[in-house]
PDB file of N, CA and C in Angstrom:
ATOM      1  N   MET A   1      92.870  83.098  68.961  1.00  0.00           N
ATOM      2  CA  MET A   1      93.738  82.894  70.110  1.00  0.00           C
ATOM      3  C   MET A   1      94.922  83.860  69.980  1.00  0.00           C
ATOM      4  N   PRO A   2      95.303  84.534  71.068  1.00  0.00           N
ATOM      5  CA  PRO A   2      96.444  85.459  71.022  1.00  0.00           C
ATOM      6  C   PRO A   2      97.744  84.719  70.720  1.00  0.00           C
ATOM      7  N   LEU A   3      98.689  85.444  70.188  1.00  0.00           N
ATOM      8  CA  LEU A   3      99.986  84.880  69.822  1.00  0.00           C
ATOM      9  C   LEU A   3     101.039  85.342  70.824  1.00  0.00           C
ATOM     10  N   VAL A   4     101.858  84.385  71.283  1.00  0.00           N
ATOM     11  CA  VAL A   4     102.969  84.673  72.187  1.00  0.00           C
ATOM     12  C   VAL A   4     104.237  84.170  71.506  1.00  0.00           C
ATOM     13  N   THR A   5     105.269  84.992  71.495  1.00  0.00           N
ATOM     14  CA  THR A   5     106.528  84.622  70.858  1.00  0.00           C
ATOM     15  C   THR A   5     107.538  84.212  71.924  1.00  0.00           C
ATOM     16  N   VAL A   6     108.234  83.120  71.644  1.00  0.00           N
ATOM     17  CA  VAL A   6     109.269  82.626  72.557  1.00  0.00           C
ATOM     18  C   VAL A   6     110.573  82.555  71.779  1.00  0.00           C
ATOM     19  N   ARG A   7     111.617  83.112  72.325  1.00  0.00           N
ATOM     20  CA  ARG A   7     112.926  83.088  71.664  1.00  0.00           C
ATOM     21  C   ARG A   7     113.772  81.952  72.253  1.00  0.00           C
ATOM     22  N   VAL A   8     114.406  81.208  71.356  1.00  0.00           N
ATOM     23  CA  VAL A   8     115.338  80.157  71.762  1.00  0.00           C
ATOM     24  C   VAL A   8     116.602  80.324  70.931  1.00  0.00           C
ATOM     25  N   ASP A   9     117.716  79.798  71.436  1.00  0.00           N
ATOM     26  CA  ASP A   9     118.956  79.931  70.661  1.00  0.00           C
ATOM     27  C   ASP A   9     118.953  78.951  69.479  1.00  0.00           C
ATOM     28  N   GLU A  10     119.898  79.147  68.587  1.00  0.00           N
ATOM     29  CA  GLU A  10     119.960  78.365  67.341  1.00  0.00           C
ATOM     30  C   GLU A  10     120.092  76.865  67.603  1.00  0.00           C
ATOM     31  N   LYS A  11     120.938  76.513  68.548  1.00  0.00           N
ATOM     32  CA  LYS A  11     121.169  75.090  68.852  1.00  0.00           C
ATOM     33  C   LYS A  11     119.874  74.426  69.316  1.00  0.00           C
ATOM     34  N   LEU A  12     119.193  75.071  70.216  1.00  0.00           N
ATOM     35  CA  LEU A  12     117.936  74.526  70.723  1.00  0.00           C
ATOM     36  C   LEU A  12     116.902  74.416  69.602  1.00  0.00           C
ATOM     37  N   LYS A  13     116.828  75.420  68.752  1.00  0.00           N
ATOM     38  CA  LYS A  13     115.886  75.396  67.632  1.00  0.00           C
ATOM     39  C   LYS A  13     116.188  74.221  66.693  1.00  0.00           C
ATOM     40  N   ARG A  14     117.442  73.949  66.412  1.00  0.00           N
ATOM     41  CA  ARG A  14     117.814  72.814  65.562  1.00  0.00           C
ATOM     42  C   ARG A  14     117.391  71.491  66.202  1.00  0.00           C
ATOM     43  N   GLU A  15     117.593  71.394  67.520  1.00  0.00           N
ATOM     44  CA  GLU A  15     117.171  70.183  68.240  1.00  0.00           C
ATOM     45  C   GLU A  15     115.651  70.017  68.184  1.00  0.00           C
ATOM     46  N   MET A  16     114.935  71.102  68.318  1.00  0.00           N
ATOM     47  CA  MET A  16     113.471  71.045  68.241  1.00  0.00           C
ATOM     48  C   MET A  16     113.020  70.597  66.852  1.00  0.00           C
ATOM     49  N   GLU A  17     113.676  71.080  65.836  1.00  0.00           N
ATOM     50  CA  GLU A  17     113.312  70.740  64.457  1.00  0.00           C
ATOM     51  C   GLU A  17     113.541  69.270  64.158  1.00  0.00           C
ATOM     52  N   LYS A  18     114.474  68.634  64.833  1.00  0.00           N
ATOM     53  CA  LYS A  18     114.712  67.199  64.654  1.00  0.00           C
ATOM     54  C   LYS A  18     113.538  66.366  65.181  1.00  0.00           C
ATOM     55  N   LEU A  19     112.854  66.894  66.168  1.00  0.00           N
ATOM     56  CA  LEU A  19     111.754  66.157  66.798  1.00  0.00           C
ATOM     57  C   LEU A  19     110.426  66.616  66.182  1.00  0.00           C
ATOM     58  N   THR A  20     110.222  66.221  64.950  1.00  0.00           N
ATOM     59  CA  THR A  20     109.056  66.707  64.193  1.00  0.00           C
ATOM     60  C   THR A  20     107.724  66.186  64.719  1.00  0.00           C
ATOM     61  N   HIS A  21     107.743  65.098  65.453  1.00  0.00           N
ATOM     62  CA  HIS A  21     106.502  64.518  65.974  1.00  0.00           C
ATOM     63  C   HIS A  21     105.954  65.293  67.185  1.00  0.00           C
ATOM     64  N   ILE A  22     106.717  66.231  67.707  1.00  0.00           N
ATOM     65  CA  ILE A  22     106.291  66.987  68.892  1.00  0.00           C
ATOM     66  C   ILE A  22     105.656  68.304  68.466  1.00  0.00           C
ATOM     67  N   ASN A  23     104.500  68.586  69.034  1.00  0.00           N
ATOM     68  CA  ASN A  23     103.819  69.862  68.815  1.00  0.00           C
ATOM     69  C   ASN A  23     104.361  70.831  69.876  1.00  0.00           C
ATOM     70  N   TRP A  24     105.327  71.639  69.498  1.00  0.00           N
ATOM     71  CA  TRP A  24     106.007  72.510  70.459  1.00  0.00           C
ATOM     72  C   TRP A  24     105.081  73.575  71.029  1.00  0.00           C
ATOM     73  N   SER A  25     104.129  74.027  70.236  1.00  0.00           N
ATOM     74  CA  SER A  25     103.165  75.003  70.750  1.00  0.00           C
ATOM     75  C   SER A  25     102.377  74.406  71.906  1.00  0.00           C
ATOM     76  N   GLU A  26     101.972  73.152  71.749  1.00  0.00           N
ATOM     77  CA  GLU A  26     101.214  72.485  72.810  1.00  0.00           C
ATOM     78  C   GLU A  26     102.075  72.267  74.050  1.00  0.00           C
ATOM     79  N   VAL A  27     103.332  71.889  73.838  1.00  0.00           N
ATOM     80  CA  VAL A  27     104.249  71.675  74.963  1.00  0.00           C
ATOM     81  C   VAL A  27     104.409  72.969  75.766  1.00  0.00           C
ATOM     82  N   ILE A  28     104.638  74.059  75.063  1.00  0.00           N
ATOM     83  CA  ILE A  28     104.831  75.348  75.736  1.00  0.00           C
ATOM     84  C   ILE A  28     103.541  75.794  76.418  1.00  0.00           C
ATOM     85  N   ARG A  29     102.413  75.631  75.738  1.00  0.00           N
ATOM     86  CA  ARG A  29     101.121  76.010  76.310  1.00  0.00           C
ATOM     87  C   ARG A  29     100.861  75.234  77.606  1.00  0.00           C
ATOM     88  N   ASN A  30     101.099  73.906  77.572  1.00  0.00           N
ATOM     89  CA  ASN A  30     100.881  73.080  78.768  1.00  0.00           C
ATOM     90  C   ASN A  30     101.831  73.466  79.899  1.00  0.00           C
ATOM     91  N   THR A  31     103.063  73.775  79.544  1.00  0.00           N
ATOM     92  CA  THR A  31     104.044  74.166  80.557  1.00  0.00           C
ATOM     93  C   THR A  31     103.651  75.477  81.224  1.00  0.00           C
ATOM     94  N   VAL A  32     103.208  76.439  80.431  1.00  0.00           N
ATOM     95  CA  VAL A  32     102.777  77.734  80.980  1.00  0.00           C
ATOM     96  C   VAL A  32     101.561  77.526  81.879  1.00  0.00           C
ATOM     97  N   GLU A  33     100.609  76.731  81.420  1.00  0.00           N
ATOM     98  CA  GLU A  33      99.402  76.469  82.221  1.00  0.00           C
ATOM     99  C   GLU A  33      99.761  75.809  83.547  1.00  0.00           C
ATOM    100  N   HIS A  34     100.669  74.833  83.501  1.00  0.00           N
ATOM    101  CA  HIS A  34     101.107  74.145  84.719  1.00  0.00           C
ATOM    102  C   HIS A  34     101.762  75.133  85.699  1.00  0.00           C
ATOM    103  N   LYS A  35     102.608  76.009  85.164  1.00  0.00           N
ATOM    104  CA  LYS A  35     103.306  76.977  86.014  1.00  0.00           C
ATOM    105  C   LYS A  35     102.311  77.938  86.669  1.00  0.00           C
ATOM    106  N   ILE A  36     101.300  78.355  85.910  1.00  0.00           N
ATOM    107  CA  ILE A  36     100.287  79.255  86.465  1.00  0.00           C
ATOM    108  C   ILE A  36      99.530  78.575  87.589  1.00  0.00           C
ATOM    109  N   LYS A  37      99.146  77.316  87.394  1.00  0.00           N
ATOM    110  CA  LYS A  37      98.439  76.578  88.456  1.00  0.00           C
ATOM    111  C   LYS A  37      99.321  76.395  89.680  1.00  0.00           C
ATOM    112  N   GLU A  38     100.606  76.096  89.432  1.00  0.00           N
ATOM    113  CA  GLU A  38     101.563  75.919  90.524  1.00  0.00           C
ATOM    114  C   GLU A  38     101.694  77.195  91.350  1.00  0.00           C
ATOM    115  N   GLU A  39     101.826  78.322  90.669  1.00  0.00           N
ATOM    116  CA  GLU A  39     101.965  79.606  91.364  1.00  0.00           C
ATOM    117  C   GLU A  39     100.677  79.957  92.119  1.00  0.00           C
ATOM    118  N   GLY A  40      99.537  79.653  91.516  1.00  0.00           N
ATOM    119  CA  GLY A  40      98.268  79.912  92.191  1.00  0.00           C
ATOM    120  C   GLY A  40      98.160  79.134  93.490  1.00  0.00           C
ATOM    121  N   GLY A  41      98.580  77.873  93.458  1.00  0.00           N
ATOM    122  CA  GLY A  41      98.575  77.057  94.670  1.00  0.00           C
ATOM    123  C   GLY A  41      99.548  77.577  95.701  1.00  0.00           C
ATOM    124  N   ARG A  42     100.684  78.051  95.226  1.00  0.00           N
ATOM    125  CA  ARG A  42     101.688  78.600  96.142  1.00  0.00           C
ATOM    126  C   ARG A  42     101.159  79.866  96.809  1.00  0.00           C
ATOM    127  N   ASN A  43     100.488  80.719  96.031  1.00  0.00           N
ATOM    128  CA  ASN A  43      99.925  81.945  96.591  1.00  0.00           C
ATOM    129  C   ASN A  43      98.875  81.624  97.637  1.00  0.00           C
ATOM    130  N   LEU A  44      98.073  80.594  97.391  1.00  0.00           N
ATOM    131  CA  LEU A  44      97.066  80.186  98.361  1.00  0.00           C
ATOM    132  C   LEU A  44      97.742  79.685  99.633  1.00  0.00           C
ATOM    133  N   ALA A  45      98.778  78.881  99.475  1.00  0.00           N
ATOM    134  CA  ALA A  45      99.495  78.359 100.644  1.00  0.00           C
ATOM    135  C   ALA A  45     100.129  79.495 101.442  1.00  0.00           C
ATOM    136  N   GLU A  46     100.701  80.473 100.743  1.00  0.00           N
ATOM    137  CA  GLU A  46     101.288  81.624 101.434  1.00  0.00           C
ATOM    138  C   GLU A  46     100.223  82.416 102.175  1.00  0.00           C
ATOM    139  N   ALA A  47      99.051  82.552 101.574  1.00  0.00           N
ATOM    140  CA  ALA A  47      97.954  83.283 102.219  1.00  0.00           C
ATOM    141  C   ALA A  47      97.499  82.558 103.488  1.00  0.00           C
ATOM    142  N   VAL A  48      97.428  81.246 103.421  1.00  0.00           N
ATOM    143  CA  VAL A  48      97.030  80.469 104.603  1.00  0.00           C
ATOM    144  C   VAL A  48      98.065  80.631 105.710  1.00  0.00           C
ATOM    145  N   LEU A  49      99.343  80.531 105.352  1.00  0.00           N
ATOM    146  CA  LEU A  49     100.397  80.694 106.364  1.00  0.00           C
ATOM    147  C   LEU A  49     100.374  82.092 106.977  1.00  0.00           C
ATOM    148  N   LEU A  50     100.186  83.096 106.152  1.00  0.00           N
ATOM    149  CA  LEU A  50     100.118  84.466 106.649  1.00  0.00           C
ATOM    150  C   LEU A  50      98.927  84.629 107.585  1.00  0.00           C
ATOM    151  N   ASN A  51      97.798  84.081 107.203  1.00  0.00           N
ATOM    152  CA  ASN A  51      96.597  84.161 108.038  1.00  0.00           C
ATOM    153  C   ASN A  51      96.833  83.496 109.393  1.00  0.00           C
ATOM    154  N   GLU A  52      97.487  82.350 109.392  1.00  0.00           N
ATOM    155  CA  GLU A  52      97.772  81.658 110.648  1.00  0.00           C
ATOM    156  C   GLU A  52      98.718  82.465 111.537  1.00  0.00           C
ATOM    157  N   ARG A  53      99.698  83.139 110.904  1.00  0.00           N
ATOM    158  CA  ARG A  53     100.637  83.953 111.691  1.00  0.00           C
ATOM    159  C   ARG A  53      99.945  85.151 112.308  1.00  0.00           C
ATOM    160  N   LEU A  54      98.991  85.730 111.571  1.00  0.00           N
ATOM    161  CA  LEU A  54      98.336  86.942 112.050  1.00  0.00           C
ATOM    162  C   LEU A  54      97.217  86.660 113.054  1.00  0.00           C
ATOM    163  N   ARG A  55      96.727  85.450 113.011  1.00  0.00           N
ATOM    164  CA  ARG A  55      95.621  85.105 113.910  1.00  0.00           C
ATOM    165  C   ARG A  55      96.093  85.153 115.357  1.00  0.00           C
ATOM    166  N   LYS A  56      95.302  85.821 116.181  1.00  0.00           N
ATOM    167  CA  LYS A  56      95.653  85.917 117.594  1.00  0.00           C
ATOM    168  C   LYS A  56      94.502  85.350 118.415  1.00  0.00           C
ATOM    169  N   LYS A  57      94.851  84.716 119.485  1.00  0.00           N
ATOM    170  CA  LYS A  57      93.839  84.214 120.406  1.00  0.00           C
ATOM    171  C   LYS A  57      93.288  85.387 121.211  1.00  0.00           C
ATOM    172  N   ALA A  58      91.992  85.315 121.476  1.00  0.00           N
ATOM    173  CA  ALA A  58      91.359  86.350 122.291  1.00  0.00           C
ATOM    174  C   ALA A  58      91.869  86.235 123.728  1.00  0.00           C
ATOM    175  N   PRO A  59      92.031  87.376 124.389  1.00  0.00           N
ATOM    176  CA  PRO A  59      92.479  87.324 125.792  1.00  0.00           C
ATOM    177  C   PRO A  59      91.467  86.587 126.673  1.00  0.00           C
ATOM    178  N   GLU A  60      91.959  86.068 127.754  1.00  0.00           N
ATOM    179  CA  GLU A  60      91.098  85.360 128.701  1.00  0.00           C
ATOM    180  C   GLU A  60      89.968  86.279 129.166  1.00  0.00           C
ATOM    181  N   GLY A  61      88.751  85.784 129.136  1.00  0.00           N
ATOM    182  CA  GLY A  61      87.603  86.561 129.595  1.00  0.00           C
ATOM    183  C   GLY A  61      86.996  87.472 128.525  1.00  0.00           C
ATOM    184  N   TRP A  62      87.520  87.444 127.310  1.00  0.00           N
ATOM    185  CA  TRP A  62      87.013  88.279 126.218  1.00  0.00           C
ATOM    186  C   TRP A  62      85.594  87.857 125.871  1.00  0.00           C
ATOM    187  N   ASP A  63      84.689  88.825 125.818  1.00  0.00           N
ATOM    188  CA  ASP A  63      83.289  88.551 125.474  1.00  0.00           C
ATOM    189  C   ASP A  63      82.959  89.313 124.192  1.00  0.00           C
ATOM    190  N   SER A  64      83.029  88.625 123.080  1.00  0.00           N
ATOM    191  CA  SER A  64      82.797  89.275 121.792  1.00  0.00           C
ATOM    192  C   SER A  64      81.356  89.771 121.665  1.00  0.00           C
ATOM    193  N   THR A  65      80.407  89.081 122.283  1.00  0.00           N
ATOM    194  CA  THR A  65      79.003  89.504 122.234  1.00  0.00           C
ATOM    195  C   THR A  65      78.846  90.887 122.855  1.00  0.00           C
ATOM    196  N   ARG A  66      79.507  91.092 123.968  1.00  0.00           N
ATOM    197  CA  ARG A  66      79.425  92.384 124.651  1.00  0.00           C
ATOM    198  C   ARG A  66      80.005  93.498 123.781  1.00  0.00           C
ATOM    199  N   VAL A  67      81.126  93.220 123.141  1.00  0.00           N
ATOM    200  CA  VAL A  67      81.783  94.217 122.285  1.00  0.00           C
ATOM    201  C   VAL A  67      80.893  94.550 121.086  1.00  0.00           C
ATOM    202  N   ILE A  68      80.305  93.552 120.485  1.00  0.00           N
ATOM    203  CA  ILE A  68      79.417  93.778 119.330  1.00  0.00           C
ATOM    204  C   ILE A  68      78.231  94.630 119.737  1.00  0.00           C
ATOM    205  N   LYS A  69      77.634  94.307 120.862  1.00  0.00           N
ATOM    206  CA  LYS A  69      76.485  95.099 121.345  1.00  0.00           C
ATOM    207  C   LYS A  69      76.894  96.546 121.606  1.00  0.00           C
ATOM    208  N   LEU A  70      78.090  96.716 122.177  1.00  0.00           N
ATOM    209  CA  LEU A  70      78.590  98.054 122.446  1.00  0.00           C
ATOM    210  C   LEU A  70      78.718  98.860 121.156  1.00  0.00           C
ATOM    211  N   TRP A  71      79.306  98.275 120.114  1.00  0.00           N
ATOM    212  CA  TRP A  71      79.468  98.969 118.843  1.00  0.00           C
ATOM    213  C   TRP A  71      78.129  99.251 118.172  1.00  0.00           C
ATOM    214  N   ARG A  72      77.203  98.330 118.321  1.00  0.00           N
ATOM    215  CA  ARG A  72      75.859  98.555 117.742  1.00  0.00           C
ATOM    216  C   ARG A  72      75.161  99.725 118.426  1.00  0.00           C
ATOM    217  N   GLN A  73      75.336  99.829 119.722  1.00  0.00           N
ATOM    218  CA  GLN A  73      74.718 100.931 120.458  1.00  0.00           C
ATOM    219  C   GLN A  73      75.337 102.265 120.029  1.00  0.00           C
ATOM    220  N   ARG A  74      76.600 102.288 119.739  1.00  0.00           N
ATOM    221  CA  ARG A  74      77.271 103.527 119.320  1.00  0.00           C
ATOM    222  C   ARG A  74      76.764 104.008 117.975  1.00  0.00           C
ATOM    223  N   ARG A  75      76.330 103.082 117.100  1.00  0.00           N
ATOM    224  CA  ARG A  75      75.820 103.459 115.788  1.00  0.00           C
ATOM    225  C   ARG A  75      74.504 104.212 115.879  1.00  0.00           C
ATOM    226  N   LEU A  76      73.752 103.904 116.871  1.00  0.00           N
ATOM    227  CA  LEU A  76      72.406 104.512 117.001  1.00  0.00           C
ATOM    228  C   LEU A  76      72.463 105.920 117.408  1.00  0.00           C
TER     229      LEU A  76
END
């Protein structure tokens, strides 16, 4: 497993050392994992909002079938 170093000040380190029953590596690992999942969800939500903003309704009378056929004919 790769190693990641985290710097904390002396006071915080002393407080951590008092709590010997806590696995600080696990706490930090879980916190990082949670933050990554949170950001991933946020990115998805932003993508959905952006998609909704960009989506436009077709003009009245728009016939997508006709347009597709037209483009297919141009390829030939």
